[in-house]
Amino acid sequence: MKKIVCKLKGHTYAPIKKENILIKEFECIHCKQRYTTDGYGQMVRLTKYWKENHQFFEKYLAKRTAS
């Protein structure tokens, strides 16, 4: 039933609290699917590729701020 609501009305996004402000992740409150924003600001599903990309970006920022 929850997925039907998303198909008819669209997803309802709630932000997931993250430490890094530059990386934004969201979760649909009905179907619990996770999303993120790509480089162009569009919402994309949070896949393994995007998770690895976020981890790399967080490591890069941590190194940059540490030095």
PDB file of N, CA and C in Angstrom:
ATOM      1  N   MET A   1       0.815  -1.194   0.000  1.00  0.00           N
ATOM      2  CA  MET A   1       0.000   0.000   0.000  1.00  0.00           C
ATOM      3  C   MET A   1       0.860   1.260   0.000  1.00  0.00           C
ATOM      4  N   LYS A   2       1.996   1.198   0.705  1.00  0.00           N
ATOM      5  CA  LYS A   2       2.844   2.378   0.804  1.00  0.00           C
ATOM      6  C   LYS A   2       3.432   2.757  -0.551  1.00  0.00           C
ATOM      7  N   LYS A   3       3.794   1.758  -1.353  1.00  0.00           N
ATOM      8  CA  LYS A   3       4.374   2.049  -2.659  1.00  0.00           C
ATOM      9  C   LYS A   3       3.340   2.620  -3.622  1.00  0.00           C
ATOM     10  N   ILE A   4       2.094   2.298  -3.420  1.00  0.00           N
ATOM     11  CA  ILE A   4       1.033   2.845  -4.268  1.00  0.00           C
ATOM     12  C   ILE A   4       0.928   4.356  -4.057  1.00  0.00           C
ATOM     13  N   VAL A   5       1.063   4.795  -2.819  1.00  0.00           N
ATOM     14  CA  VAL A   5       1.017   6.231  -2.525  1.00  0.00           C
ATOM     15  C   VAL A   5       2.136   6.944  -3.274  1.00  0.00           C
ATOM     16  N   CYS A   6       3.335   6.350  -3.292  1.00  0.00           N
ATOM     17  CA  CYS A   6       4.464   6.964  -3.986  1.00  0.00           C
ATOM     18  C   CYS A   6       4.234   6.999  -5.497  1.00  0.00           C
ATOM     19  N   LYS A   7       3.601   5.963  -6.036  1.00  0.00           N
ATOM     20  CA  LYS A   7       3.345   5.950  -7.471  1.00  0.00           C
ATOM     21  C   LYS A   7       2.298   6.977  -7.870  1.00  0.00           C
ATOM     22  N   LEU A   8       1.300   7.169  -7.027  1.00  0.00           N
ATOM     23  CA  LEU A   8       0.229   8.104  -7.362  1.00  0.00           C
ATOM     24  C   LEU A   8       0.614   9.557  -7.083  1.00  0.00           C
ATOM     25  N   LYS A   9       1.141   9.824  -5.919  1.00  0.00           N
ATOM     26  CA  LYS A   9       1.413  11.204  -5.507  1.00  0.00           C
ATOM     27  C   LYS A   9       2.880  11.596  -5.611  1.00  0.00           C
ATOM     28  N   GLY A  10       3.757  10.628  -5.734  1.00  0.00           N
ATOM     29  CA  GLY A  10       5.187  10.912  -5.732  1.00  0.00           C
ATOM     30  C   GLY A  10       5.762  10.705  -4.339  1.00  0.00           C
ATOM     31  N   HIS A  11       7.074  10.690  -4.261  1.00  0.00           N
ATOM     32  CA  HIS A  11       7.750  10.449  -2.991  1.00  0.00           C
ATOM     33  C   HIS A  11       7.668  11.677  -2.094  1.00  0.00           C
ATOM     34  N   THR A  12       7.644  11.432  -0.796  1.00  0.00           N
ATOM     35  CA  THR A  12       7.702  12.489   0.211  1.00  0.00           C
ATOM     36  C   THR A  12       9.048  12.353   0.907  1.00  0.00           C
ATOM     37  N   TYR A  13       9.951  13.286   0.645  1.00  0.00           N
ATOM     38  CA  TYR A  13      11.318  13.181   1.127  1.00  0.00           C
ATOM     39  C   TYR A  13      11.484  13.802   2.505  1.00  0.00           C
ATOM     40  N   ALA A  14      12.247  13.113   3.343  1.00  0.00           N
ATOM     41  CA  ALA A  14      12.657  13.638   4.639  1.00  0.00           C
ATOM     42  C   ALA A  14      14.182  13.568   4.676  1.00  0.00           C
ATOM     43  N   PRO A  15      14.855  14.646   5.047  1.00  0.00           N
ATOM     44  CA  PRO A  15      16.319  14.615   5.062  1.00  0.00           C
ATOM     45  C   PRO A  15      16.852  13.680   6.140  1.00  0.00           C
ATOM     46  N   ILE A  16      17.947  13.009   5.803  1.00  0.00           N
ATOM     47  CA  ILE A  16      18.651  12.156   6.749  1.00  0.00           C
ATOM     48  C   ILE A  16      19.778  12.998   7.331  1.00  0.00           C
ATOM     49  N   LYS A  17      19.882  13.015   8.629  1.00  0.00           N
ATOM     50  CA  LYS A  17      20.880  13.857   9.274  1.00  0.00           C
ATOM     51  C   LYS A  17      22.282  13.314   8.978  1.00  0.00           C
ATOM     52  N   LYS A  18      23.109  14.170   8.399  1.00  0.00           N
ATOM     53  CA  LYS A  18      24.484  13.822   8.062  1.00  0.00           C
ATOM     54  C   LYS A  18      25.404  14.866   8.680  1.00  0.00           C
ATOM     55  N   GLU A  19      26.626  14.471   8.970  1.00  0.00           N
ATOM     56  CA  GLU A  19      27.605  15.397   9.519  1.00  0.00           C
ATOM     57  C   GLU A  19      28.074  16.394   8.467  1.00  0.00           C
ATOM     58  N   ASN A  20      28.250  15.919   7.255  1.00  0.00           N
ATOM     59  CA  ASN A  20      28.751  16.765   6.178  1.00  0.00           C
ATOM     60  C   ASN A  20      27.580  17.506   5.540  1.00  0.00           C
ATOM     61  N   ILE A  21      27.664  18.808   5.492  1.00  0.00           N
ATOM     62  CA  ILE A  21      26.578  19.618   4.952  1.00  0.00           C
ATOM     63  C   ILE A  21      26.536  19.542   3.421  1.00  0.00           C
ATOM     64  N   LEU A  22      27.668  19.291   2.789  1.00  0.00           N
ATOM     65  CA  LEU A  22      27.717  19.285   1.326  1.00  0.00           C
ATOM     66  C   LEU A  22      27.036  18.069   0.712  1.00  0.00           C
ATOM     67  N   ILE A  23      27.019  16.953   1.428  1.00  0.00           N
ATOM     68  CA  ILE A  23      26.390  15.733   0.924  1.00  0.00           C
ATOM     69  C   ILE A  23      25.008  15.626   1.543  1.00  0.00           C
ATOM     70  N   LYS A  24      23.992  15.614   0.691  1.00  0.00           N
ATOM     71  CA  LYS A  24      22.616  15.557   1.179  1.00  0.00           C
ATOM     72  C   LYS A  24      21.998  14.215   0.821  1.00  0.00           C
ATOM     73  N   GLU A  25      21.392  13.580   1.805  1.00  0.00           N
ATOM     74  CA  GLU A  25      20.696  12.320   1.590  1.00  0.00           C
ATOM     75  C   GLU A  25      19.280  12.457   2.129  1.00  0.00           C
ATOM     76  N   PHE A  26      18.349  11.793   1.449  1.00  0.00           N
ATOM     77  CA  PHE A  26      16.936  11.863   1.801  1.00  0.00           C
ATOM     78  C   PHE A  26      16.358  10.460   1.832  1.00  0.00           C
ATOM     79  N   GLU A  27      15.216  10.306   2.533  1.00  0.00           N
ATOM     80  CA  GLU A  27      14.513   9.041   2.581  1.00  0.00           C
ATOM     81  C   GLU A  27      13.021   9.312   2.403  1.00  0.00           C
ATOM     82  N   CYS A  28      12.376   8.509   1.587  1.00  0.00           N
ATOM     83  CA  CYS A  28      10.934   8.634   1.409  1.00  0.00           C
ATOM     84  C   CYS A  28      10.250   8.105   2.661  1.00  0.00           C
ATOM     85  N   ILE A  29       9.326   8.873   3.210  1.00  0.00           N
ATOM     86  CA  ILE A  29       8.688   8.457   4.453  1.00  0.00           C
ATOM     87  C   ILE A  29       7.688   7.319   4.249  1.00  0.00           C
ATOM     88  N   HIS A  30       7.277   7.078   3.015  1.00  0.00           N
ATOM     89  CA  HIS A  30       6.308   6.014   2.748  1.00  0.00           C
ATOM     90  C   HIS A  30       6.986   4.690   2.400  1.00  0.00           C
ATOM     91  N   CYS A  31       7.888   4.701   1.418  1.00  0.00           N
ATOM     92  CA  CYS A  31       8.466   3.441   0.939  1.00  0.00           C
ATOM     93  C   CYS A  31       9.871   3.185   1.463  1.00  0.00           C
ATOM     94  N   LYS A  32      10.446   4.114   2.224  1.00  0.00           N
ATOM     95  CA  LYS A  32      11.750   3.983   2.878  1.00  0.00           C
ATOM     96  C   LYS A  32      12.920   3.855   1.896  1.00  0.00           C
ATOM     97  N   GLN A  33      12.734   4.261   0.646  1.00  0.00           N
ATOM     98  CA  GLN A  33      13.849   4.274  -0.295  1.00  0.00           C
ATOM     99  C   GLN A  33      14.685   5.516  -0.040  1.00  0.00           C
ATOM    100  N   ARG A  34      16.009   5.380  -0.225  1.00  0.00           N
ATOM    101  CA  ARG A  34      16.917   6.485   0.049  1.00  0.00           C
ATOM    102  C   ARG A  34      17.358   7.128  -1.263  1.00  0.00           C
ATOM    103  N   TYR A  35      17.522   8.450  -1.207  1.00  0.00           N
ATOM    104  CA  TYR A  35      17.900   9.234  -2.375  1.00  0.00           C
ATOM    105  C   TYR A  35      19.000  10.215  -2.001  1.00  0.00           C
ATOM    106  N   THR A  36      19.684  10.715  -3.012  1.00  0.00           N
ATOM    107  CA  THR A  36      20.703  11.736  -2.837  1.00  0.00           C
ATOM    108  C   THR A  36      20.632  12.687  -4.024  1.00  0.00           C
ATOM    109  N   THR A  37      21.379  13.766  -3.953  1.00  0.00           N
ATOM    110  CA  THR A  37      21.430  14.693  -5.077  1.00  0.00           C
ATOM    111  C   THR A  37      22.710  14.446  -5.856  1.00  0.00           C
ATOM    112  N   ASP A  38      22.612  14.515  -7.175  1.00  0.00           N
ATOM    113  CA  ASP A  38      23.809  14.346  -8.001  1.00  0.00           C
ATOM    114  C   ASP A  38      24.473  15.706  -8.212  1.00  0.00           C
ATOM    115  N   GLY A  39      25.468  15.751  -9.072  1.00  0.00           N
ATOM    116  CA  GLY A  39      26.209  16.975  -9.320  1.00  0.00           C
ATOM    117  C   GLY A  39      25.389  18.082  -9.949  1.00  0.00           C
ATOM    118  N   TYR A  40      24.263  17.743 -10.539  1.00  0.00           N
ATOM    119  CA  TYR A  40      23.399  18.734 -11.184  1.00  0.00           C
ATOM    120  C   TYR A  40      22.221  19.139 -10.300  1.00  0.00           C
ATOM    121  N   GLY A  41      22.141  18.579  -9.081  1.00  0.00           N
ATOM    122  CA  GLY A  41      21.080  18.928  -8.157  1.00  0.00           C
ATOM    123  C   GLY A  41      19.809  18.113  -8.317  1.00  0.00           C
ATOM    124  N   GLN A  42      19.846  17.078  -9.138  1.00  0.00           N
ATOM    125  CA  GLN A  42      18.665  16.242  -9.330  1.00  0.00           C
ATOM    126  C   GLN A  42      18.689  15.073  -8.349  1.00  0.00           C
ATOM    127  N   MET A  43      17.505  14.625  -7.954  1.00  0.00           N
ATOM    128  CA  MET A  43      17.393  13.511  -7.015  1.00  0.00           C
ATOM    129  C   MET A  43      17.626  12.194  -7.750  1.00  0.00           C
ATOM    130  N   VAL A  44      18.520  11.379  -7.201  1.00  0.00           N
ATOM    131  CA  VAL A  44      18.800  10.049  -7.745  1.00  0.00           C
ATOM    132  C   VAL A  44      18.743   9.046  -6.595  1.00  0.00           C
ATOM    133  N   ARG A  45      18.439   7.803  -6.934  1.00  0.00           N
ATOM    134  CA  ARG A  45      18.383   6.767  -5.919  1.00  0.00           C
ATOM    135  C   ARG A  45      19.785   6.508  -5.374  1.00  0.00           C
ATOM    136  N   LEU A  46      19.878   6.315  -4.075  1.00  0.00           N
ATOM    137  CA  LEU A  46      21.161   6.087  -3.413  1.00  0.00           C
ATOM    138  C   LEU A  46      21.579   4.640  -3.641  1.00  0.00           C
ATOM    139  N   THR A  47      22.464   4.437  -4.612  1.00  0.00           N
ATOM    140  CA  THR A  47      22.946   3.109  -4.958  1.00  0.00           C
ATOM    141  C   THR A  47      24.340   2.913  -4.390  1.00  0.00           C
ATOM    142  N   LYS A  48      24.921   1.752  -4.658  1.00  0.00           N
ATOM    143  CA  LYS A  48      26.273   1.459  -4.190  1.00  0.00           C
ATOM    144  C   LYS A  48      27.267   2.472  -4.762  1.00  0.00           C
ATOM    145  N   TYR A  49      27.085   2.870  -6.003  1.00  0.00           N
ATOM    146  CA  TYR A  49      27.959   3.857  -6.640  1.00  0.00           C
ATOM    147  C   TYR A  49      27.955   5.171  -5.865  1.00  0.00           C
ATOM    148  N   TRP A  50      26.767   5.649  -5.506  1.00  0.00           N
ATOM    149  CA  TRP A  50      26.668   6.928  -4.801  1.00  0.00           C
ATOM    150  C   TRP A  50      27.189   6.823  -3.382  1.00  0.00           C
ATOM    151  N   LYS A  51      26.999   5.674  -2.711  1.00  0.00           N
ATOM    152  CA  LYS A  51      27.540   5.487  -1.372  1.00  0.00           C
ATOM    153  C   LYS A  51      29.066   5.552  -1.391  1.00  0.00           C
ATOM    154  N   GLU A  52      29.681   4.874  -2.361  1.00  0.00           N
ATOM    155  CA  GLU A  52      31.143   4.910  -2.487  1.00  0.00           C
ATOM    156  C   GLU A  52      31.623   6.312  -2.830  1.00  0.00           C
ATOM    157  N   ASN A  53      30.888   7.000  -3.672  1.00  0.00           N
ATOM    158  CA  ASN A  53      31.234   8.362  -4.054  1.00  0.00           C
ATOM    159  C   ASN A  53      31.199   9.281  -2.834  1.00  0.00           C
ATOM    160  N   HIS A  54      30.197   9.146  -1.986  1.00  0.00           N
ATOM    161  CA  HIS A  54      30.084   9.963  -0.781  1.00  0.00           C
ATOM    162  C   HIS A  54      31.226   9.669   0.196  1.00  0.00           C
ATOM    163  N   GLN A  55      31.578   8.382   0.341  1.00  0.00           N
ATOM    164  CA  GLN A  55      32.675   8.024   1.243  1.00  0.00           C
ATOM    165  C   GLN A  55      33.994   8.622   0.759  1.00  0.00           C
ATOM    166  N   PHE A  56      34.247   8.552  -0.544  1.00  0.00           N
ATOM    167  CA  PHE A  56      35.460   9.131  -1.103  1.00  0.00           C
ATOM    168  C   PHE A  56      35.497  10.639  -0.873  1.00  0.00           C
ATOM    169  N   PHE A  57      34.378  11.299  -1.096  1.00  0.00           N
ATOM    170  CA  PHE A  57      34.299  12.745  -0.929  1.00  0.00           C
ATOM    171  C   PHE A  57      34.515  13.147   0.534  1.00  0.00           C
ATOM    172  N   GLU A  58      33.946  12.368   1.473  1.00  0.00           N
ATOM    173  CA  GLU A  58      34.128  12.657   2.889  1.00  0.00           C
ATOM    174  C   GLU A  58      35.584  12.485   3.307  1.00  0.00           C
ATOM    175  N   LYS A  59      36.262  11.432   2.794  1.00  0.00           N
ATOM    176  CA  LYS A  59      37.679  11.229   3.102  1.00  0.00           C
ATOM    177  C   LYS A  59      38.517  12.372   2.538  1.00  0.00           C
ATOM    178  N   TYR A  60      38.194  12.812   1.344  1.00  0.00           N
ATOM    179  CA  TYR A  60      38.923  13.908   0.719  1.00  0.00           C
ATOM    180  C   TYR A  60      38.774  15.195   1.534  1.00  0.00           C
ATOM    181  N   LEU A  61      37.571  15.488   1.970  1.00  0.00           N
ATOM    182  CA  LEU A  61      37.350  16.682   2.774  1.00  0.00           C
ATOM    183  C   LEU A  61      38.040  16.602   4.127  1.00  0.00           C
ATOM    184  N   ALA A  62      38.063  15.385   4.724  1.00  0.00           N
ATOM    185  CA  ALA A  62      38.732  15.231   6.015  1.00  0.00           C
ATOM    186  C   ALA A  62      40.229  15.467   5.888  1.00  0.00           C
ATOM    187  N   LYS A  63      40.848  14.972   4.802  1.00  0.00           N
ATOM    188  CA  LYS A  63      42.273  15.198   4.572  1.00  0.00           C
ATOM    189  C   LYS A  63      42.546  16.671   4.324  1.00  0.00           C
ATOM    190  N   ARG A  64      41.678  17.295   3.588  1.00  0.00           N
ATOM    191  CA  ARG A  64      41.880  18.690   3.230  1.00  0.00           C
ATOM    192  C   ARG A  64      41.775  19.614   4.445  1.00  0.00           C
ATOM    193  N   THR A  65      40.831  19.337   5.322  1.00  0.00           N
ATOM    194  CA  THR A  65      40.656  20.185   6.503  1.00  0.00           C
ATOM    195  C   THR A  65      41.716  19.877   7.566  1.00  0.00           C
ATOM    196  N   ALA A  66      42.281  18.654   7.565  1.00  0.00           N
ATOM    197  CA  ALA A  66      43.287  18.277   8.562  1.00  0.00           C
ATOM    198  C   ALA A  66      44.630  18.948   8.285  1.00  0.00           C
ATOM    199  N   SER A  67      44.922  19.226   7.016  1.00  0.00           N
ATOM    200  CA  SER A  67      46.228  19.806   6.700  1.00  0.00           C
ATOM    201  C   SER A  67      46.235  21.312   6.687  1.00  0.00           C
TER     202      SER A  67
END
